[in-house]
Protein backbone atom coordinates (compact mmCIF):
# COMPACT_ATOMS: atom_id res chain seq x y z
CA ALA A 1 -20.72 -26.51 -2.64
CA PRO A 2 -24.06 -26.30 -0.75
CA ARG A 3 -23.71 -24.54 2.56
CA GLY A 4 -23.04 -26.88 5.48
CA GLY A 5 -24.05 -30.16 3.78
CA PRO A 6 -27.48 -31.77 3.18
CA ALA A 7 -28.71 -31.51 6.79
CA PHE A 8 -27.91 -27.82 7.14
CA PRO A 9 -29.82 -25.93 8.34
CA ARG A 10 -32.00 -28.25 10.39
CA ASP A 11 -35.13 -26.10 10.15
CA ALA A 12 -35.63 -26.58 6.40
CA ALA A 13 -39.03 -24.86 6.29
CA THR A 14 -37.74 -21.65 7.84
CA ALA A 15 -34.63 -21.77 5.66
CA ARG A 16 -36.83 -21.96 2.53
CA ALA A 17 -39.05 -19.16 3.78
CA VAL A 18 -36.16 -16.73 4.20
CA GLY A 19 -34.17 -17.95 1.21
CA LEU A 20 -31.30 -19.37 3.25
CA ASP A 21 -31.44 -22.70 1.40
CA ARG A 22 -30.60 -21.10 -1.95
CA TRP A 23 -27.01 -20.14 -1.25
CA VAL A 24 -24.08 -22.02 -2.83
CA GLU A 25 -20.42 -21.34 -2.14
CA ARG A 26 -17.91 -21.24 -4.97
CA ALA A 27 -14.18 -21.45 -4.20
CA LEU A 28 -11.85 -19.28 -6.29
CA PRO A 29 -8.16 -19.90 -7.00
CA PRO A 30 -5.65 -18.02 -4.85
CA GLY A 31 -5.22 -14.42 -5.95
CA ALA A 32 -8.54 -14.23 -7.78
CA ALA A 33 -10.56 -11.03 -7.46
CA ALA A 34 -13.64 -12.18 -5.53
CA ARG A 35 -15.77 -9.09 -6.13
CA THR A 36 -15.03 -9.13 -9.85
CA ALA A 37 -15.95 -12.83 -10.07
CA ALA A 38 -19.20 -12.15 -8.20
CA ARG A 39 -20.18 -9.38 -10.62
CA GLU A 40 -19.41 -11.59 -13.60
CA LEU A 41 -21.50 -14.46 -12.22
CA ALA A 42 -24.50 -12.26 -11.59
CA SER A 43 -24.36 -10.49 -14.95
CA ALA A 44 -23.59 -13.45 -17.22
CA ALA A 45 -26.03 -13.91 -20.08
CA GLY A 46 -28.70 -16.47 -19.19
CA SER A 47 -27.52 -16.66 -15.60
CA VAL A 48 -29.95 -18.12 -13.08
CA ILE A 49 -28.06 -16.44 -10.26
CA GLU A 50 -29.99 -13.65 -8.58
CA VAL A 51 -27.24 -12.50 -6.19
CA ALA A 52 -23.50 -13.15 -6.10
CA GLU A 53 -21.27 -11.66 -3.43
CA ALA A 54 -17.81 -11.96 -1.94
CA ILE A 55 -17.48 -13.54 1.50
CA GLY A 56 -16.16 -11.02 4.03
CA VAL A 57 -13.12 -11.31 6.27
CA GLY A 58 -13.11 -10.30 9.93
CA GLY A 59 -11.99 -11.32 13.34
CA VAL A 60 -12.02 -10.55 17.02
CA ALA A 61 -13.04 -6.94 17.65
CA ALA A 62 -9.79 -6.01 19.35
CA GLU A 63 -6.44 -4.58 18.40
CA SER A 64 -3.37 -6.76 18.16
CA ALA A 65 -0.65 -6.35 20.75
CA ALA A 66 1.96 -3.69 20.13
CA PRO A 67 5.06 -5.07 18.38
CA ASN A 68 8.16 -5.42 20.54
CA ASP A 69 10.42 -3.28 18.36
CA PRO A 70 12.15 -0.79 20.71
CA LEU A 71 11.69 2.20 18.36
CA TYR A 72 8.00 1.52 17.86
CA VAL A 73 7.10 3.97 20.63
CA GLN A 74 8.57 6.74 18.45
CA GLN A 75 6.46 5.83 15.43
CA TYR A 76 3.49 8.10 15.97
CA GLY A 77 2.27 7.37 12.45
CA LEU A 78 1.55 3.78 13.40
CA GLU A 79 0.27 4.48 16.91
CA ASN A 80 -0.11 7.99 18.27
CA THR A 81 -0.48 7.94 22.04
CA GLY A 82 0.28 11.65 22.36
CA GLN A 83 4.01 11.01 22.60
CA PRO A 84 6.00 14.26 22.19
CA LEU A 85 7.63 15.05 18.87
CA ASN A 86 10.36 17.71 19.18
CA GLY A 87 8.90 18.61 22.56
CA VAL A 88 5.33 19.00 21.30
CA ALA A 89 2.72 16.41 22.30
CA GLY A 90 0.77 14.78 19.53
CA ASP A 91 -2.94 14.03 19.42
CA PRO A 92 -3.76 10.46 20.51
CA GLY A 93 -5.31 8.58 17.62
CA ALA A 94 -3.77 10.76 14.90
CA ASP A 95 -2.30 7.71 13.19
CA VAL A 96 -3.17 4.97 10.66
CA ASN A 97 -4.48 2.60 13.37
CA ALA A 98 -1.93 -0.04 12.43
CA ARG A 99 -2.71 -2.24 15.42
CA GLY A 100 -6.33 -2.35 14.34
CA ALA A 101 -5.22 -3.97 11.08
CA TRP A 102 -2.37 -6.19 12.21
CA HIS A 103 -4.69 -8.75 13.80
CA LEU A 104 -5.93 -9.40 10.23
CA THR A 105 -2.64 -9.18 8.34
CA THR A 106 0.92 -7.94 8.53
CA GLY A 107 1.23 -8.18 4.77
CA ASP A 108 1.19 -11.07 2.31
CA PRO A 109 4.66 -12.53 1.58
CA GLY A 110 3.46 -12.99 -1.99
CA THR A 111 2.96 -9.24 -2.45
CA ILE A 112 5.77 -7.29 -4.09
CA VAL A 113 5.85 -3.54 -3.52
CA ALA A 114 7.97 -1.64 -6.03
CA VAL A 115 9.63 1.45 -4.56
CA LEU A 116 10.21 3.76 -7.53
CA ASP A 117 12.67 6.28 -6.19
CA ALA A 118 16.34 7.26 -6.09
CA GLY A 119 17.41 3.80 -4.99
CA VAL A 120 16.97 1.65 -1.88
CA ASP A 121 19.80 0.45 0.34
CA PRO A 122 19.54 -3.14 1.64
CA HIS A 123 18.65 -2.17 5.20
CA VAL A 124 18.70 -4.91 7.82
CA GLU A 125 14.98 -4.27 8.47
CA PHE A 126 13.96 -5.60 5.04
CA ALA A 127 17.06 -6.73 3.11
CA SER A 128 16.08 -10.40 3.36
CA ARG A 129 12.80 -9.59 1.61
CA MET A 130 14.22 -7.53 -1.25
CA VAL A 131 13.82 -8.89 -4.79
CA PRO A 132 16.01 -7.91 -7.74
CA GLY A 133 15.41 -4.40 -9.03
CA TRP A 134 16.55 -2.17 -11.87
CA ASN A 135 18.16 1.22 -12.40
CA VAL A 136 16.31 2.72 -15.36
CA PRO A 137 18.55 5.75 -16.10
CA ALA A 138 21.77 3.73 -15.77
CA GLY A 139 20.42 0.63 -17.49
CA ASN A 140 21.80 -1.73 -14.86
CA ALA A 141 20.92 -3.50 -11.61
CA GLN A 142 22.69 -1.02 -9.30
CA THR A 143 19.83 0.20 -7.12
CA GLY A 144 21.57 1.62 -4.03
CA ASN A 145 20.52 4.95 -2.54
CA GLN A 146 21.48 8.16 -4.36
CA CYS A 147 19.43 10.86 -2.60
CA SER A 148 19.70 11.25 1.20
CA GLY A 149 18.22 7.83 1.87
CA HIS A 150 14.78 8.82 0.55
CA GLY A 151 13.97 5.49 -1.09
CA THR A 152 15.30 3.51 1.88
CA HIS A 153 13.17 5.61 4.21
CA CYS A 154 10.08 4.85 2.10
CA ALA A 155 10.87 1.13 2.02
CA GLY A 156 11.27 1.04 5.79
CA THR A 157 7.93 2.77 6.31
CA ILE A 158 6.35 0.11 4.13
CA ALA A 159 8.08 -3.07 5.16
CA ALA A 160 10.50 -2.84 8.11
CA ALA A 161 10.46 -6.11 10.06
CA GLY A 162 7.99 -5.93 12.92
CA ASN A 163 7.79 -7.68 16.27
CA ASP A 164 11.37 -8.92 15.98
CA GLY A 165 12.69 -7.19 19.09
CA ALA A 166 14.93 -4.83 17.13
CA GLY A 167 14.71 -1.45 15.48
CA MET A 168 11.33 -0.28 14.22
CA ALA A 169 8.25 -1.70 12.55
CA GLY A 170 6.88 -1.19 9.07
CA LEU A 171 3.22 -1.13 8.20
CA ALA A 172 3.28 -4.39 6.23
CA TRP A 173 6.31 -6.26 7.52
CA ASP A 174 5.85 -9.45 5.51
CA VAL A 175 5.69 -7.98 2.00
CA ARG A 176 8.67 -7.94 -0.37
CA ILE A 177 10.39 -4.83 -1.69
CA MET A 178 11.49 -4.29 -5.30
CA PRO A 179 13.86 -1.32 -5.68
CA VAL A 180 13.41 0.48 -9.00
CA THR A 181 15.66 3.50 -9.49
CA VAL A 182 14.04 6.11 -11.73
CA LEU A 183 16.09 9.16 -10.71
CA THR A 184 19.69 10.25 -11.17
CA GLN A 185 20.70 11.59 -7.79
CA CYS A 186 17.49 13.37 -6.72
CA THR A 187 15.87 14.28 -10.07
CA GLY A 188 14.68 12.51 -13.18
CA PHE A 189 12.37 12.31 -16.16
CA THR A 190 8.74 11.20 -16.38
CA SER A 191 9.83 8.74 -19.09
CA HIS A 192 12.13 6.97 -16.63
CA LEU A 193 9.30 6.66 -14.10
CA ALA A 194 7.06 5.27 -16.84
CA ASP A 195 9.66 2.71 -17.87
CA GLY A 196 10.17 1.74 -14.23
CA LEU A 197 6.46 1.18 -13.70
CA VAL A 198 6.23 -1.12 -16.70
CA TRP A 199 9.41 -2.98 -15.72
CA ALA A 200 8.13 -3.57 -12.19
CA SER A 201 4.69 -4.67 -13.33
CA ASP A 202 6.19 -7.14 -15.79
CA ARG A 203 8.20 -8.69 -12.95
CA GLY A 204 5.43 -9.25 -10.46
CA ALA A 205 5.06 -6.03 -8.49
CA SER A 206 1.41 -5.30 -7.77
CA ILE A 207 1.80 -2.13 -5.67
CA MET A 208 3.85 0.81 -6.93
CA ASN A 209 5.06 3.34 -4.36
CA VAL A 210 5.83 6.66 -6.05
CA SER A 211 6.87 9.16 -3.38
CA LEU A 212 7.86 11.56 -6.14
CA GLN A 213 6.43 14.65 -7.78
CA TYR A 214 6.55 16.00 -11.32
CA SER A 215 5.25 19.32 -12.63
CA VAL A 216 4.37 18.47 -16.26
CA GLU A 217 1.69 16.04 -17.40
CA ASN A 218 2.96 13.40 -19.80
CA GLN A 219 0.84 10.97 -21.80
CA TYR A 220 3.53 8.31 -21.95
CA LEU A 221 3.62 8.21 -18.15
CA ARG A 222 -0.16 8.09 -17.98
CA ASP A 223 -0.22 5.20 -20.45
CA ALA A 224 2.34 3.34 -18.34
CA ILE A 225 0.10 3.79 -15.31
CA ALA A 226 -2.84 2.49 -17.35
CA TYR A 227 -0.73 -0.58 -18.18
CA VAL A 228 -0.09 -1.23 -14.49
CA THR A 229 -3.72 -0.81 -13.44
CA ALA A 230 -5.01 -2.89 -16.36
CA ARG A 231 -2.87 -5.73 -15.01
CA GLY A 232 -4.42 -5.38 -11.55
CA GLY A 233 -1.73 -3.19 -10.01
CA ILE A 234 -2.14 -0.14 -7.79
CA VAL A 235 -0.10 3.05 -8.12
CA VAL A 236 0.22 5.08 -4.91
CA ALA A 237 1.81 8.52 -5.20
CA ALA A 238 2.61 11.46 -2.96
CA ALA A 239 0.32 14.43 -3.43
CA GLY A 240 3.46 16.54 -3.49
CA ASP A 241 4.99 19.42 -1.59
CA GLY A 242 3.32 22.25 -3.47
CA GLY A 243 0.88 23.26 -0.75
CA ALA A 244 -2.00 25.31 -2.11
CA ALA A 245 -0.43 25.24 -5.59
CA GLY A 246 -2.11 21.89 -6.13
CA VAL A 247 -1.49 18.19 -6.46
CA ALA A 248 1.54 17.05 -8.46
CA VAL A 249 1.86 14.54 -11.30
CA PRO A 250 1.17 11.63 -11.22
CA ALA A 251 -0.93 11.85 -8.02
CA ARG A 252 -3.37 14.30 -9.62
CA TRP A 253 -4.66 11.66 -12.05
CA PRO A 254 -7.72 9.63 -11.02
CA GLU A 255 -5.97 6.34 -11.86
CA VAL A 256 -3.51 6.99 -9.02
CA LEU A 257 -4.12 6.84 -5.26
CA ALA A 258 -2.98 10.29 -4.11
CA VAL A 259 -1.77 10.56 -0.51
CA GLY A 260 -1.36 13.85 1.34
CA ALA A 261 0.51 14.42 4.59
CA LEU A 262 -0.64 14.97 8.16
CA ASP A 263 1.38 15.82 11.24
CA ALA A 264 1.21 14.31 14.73
CA ASN A 265 -1.69 16.62 15.58
CA ASP A 266 -3.77 15.55 12.57
CA GLN A 267 -3.12 18.87 10.82
CA VAL A 268 -2.06 19.35 7.21
CA PRO A 269 1.50 20.74 7.07
CA SER A 270 1.82 23.90 5.00
CA TYR A 271 3.96 22.16 2.40
CA SER A 272 1.60 19.25 1.70
CA ALA A 273 -0.33 19.65 -1.54
CA VAL A 274 -4.07 20.04 -1.18
CA GLY A 275 -6.83 19.77 -3.71
CA PRO A 276 -9.78 17.64 -4.83
CA GLN A 277 -7.46 14.99 -6.29
CA VAL A 278 -6.16 13.95 -2.84
CA ASP A 279 -7.73 10.58 -2.01
CA CYS A 280 -6.44 10.20 1.55
CA ALA A 281 -3.88 11.54 3.98
CA ALA A 282 -1.46 9.83 6.34
CA PRO A 283 1.26 10.81 8.84
CA GLY A 284 3.99 12.36 6.75
CA GLN A 285 5.96 14.78 8.91
CA ARG A 286 9.02 13.68 10.88
CA VAL A 287 8.20 10.01 10.40
CA ARG A 288 10.72 7.58 11.93
CA SER A 289 12.01 5.07 9.38
CA ALA A 290 15.07 3.26 8.01
CA LEU A 291 18.23 4.92 6.71
CA GLY A 292 21.40 3.36 5.39
CA THR A 293 21.85 -0.37 5.90
CA SER A 294 21.46 -0.79 9.67
């Protein structure tokens, strides 16, 4: 549709002089990739379009209010005010600046995040937003925790209910969690992770959380990741705990978003893998999150 209707802007001569009168807005269906559509419009054979671009999203230049969850003050990864951790003060601002993002979104309820791990318990912080999952090694739908609450901890970090006056807050507290067990107890095969990625993608998960590490490259796993990304999904994996030994599989591959760890003082812990394959780093030491079911 033309911008603003036929009488917009009022100064038609100036609008023509600067090219403002040449813009047309095209609405896309929900979920469409705006930047991809813009590139396709501009590059189409015989196109008369000189420039096509996605409309940006923004808002008031201010942080949202802190959520009222009583344990939020202990979550330095979301907001580091210098609060002490084991008696040592952190560095203010050494966090992911969650409040700077929450005024834009607290997560889309239509987004499903698959947690590929050793199982996820239905914790009160996110149980109501869990969707059916799968246990790949066992071949059944039993997806409860098997390894010290690791998967539940990851799910809480992602999606614990925020601003509900109880417990803690997750980073994206409106998204849904899909538990996909790919380990037996605390270990497993790359083939099981690959099968879990495909299973989750086929059932609507668009973000894959892989807080796991493997030591051997495997083409079947890489092809499964290619399947996910070709369908518009994102695979996020831990860089691993190998320190200077390098980034683990699958995080070391360019198709995967590799995340290293930082502590409350914005320093890299000695165990966190380092290397050129690390795409970003986030608080990852002594992070407060969910365990068990309550």
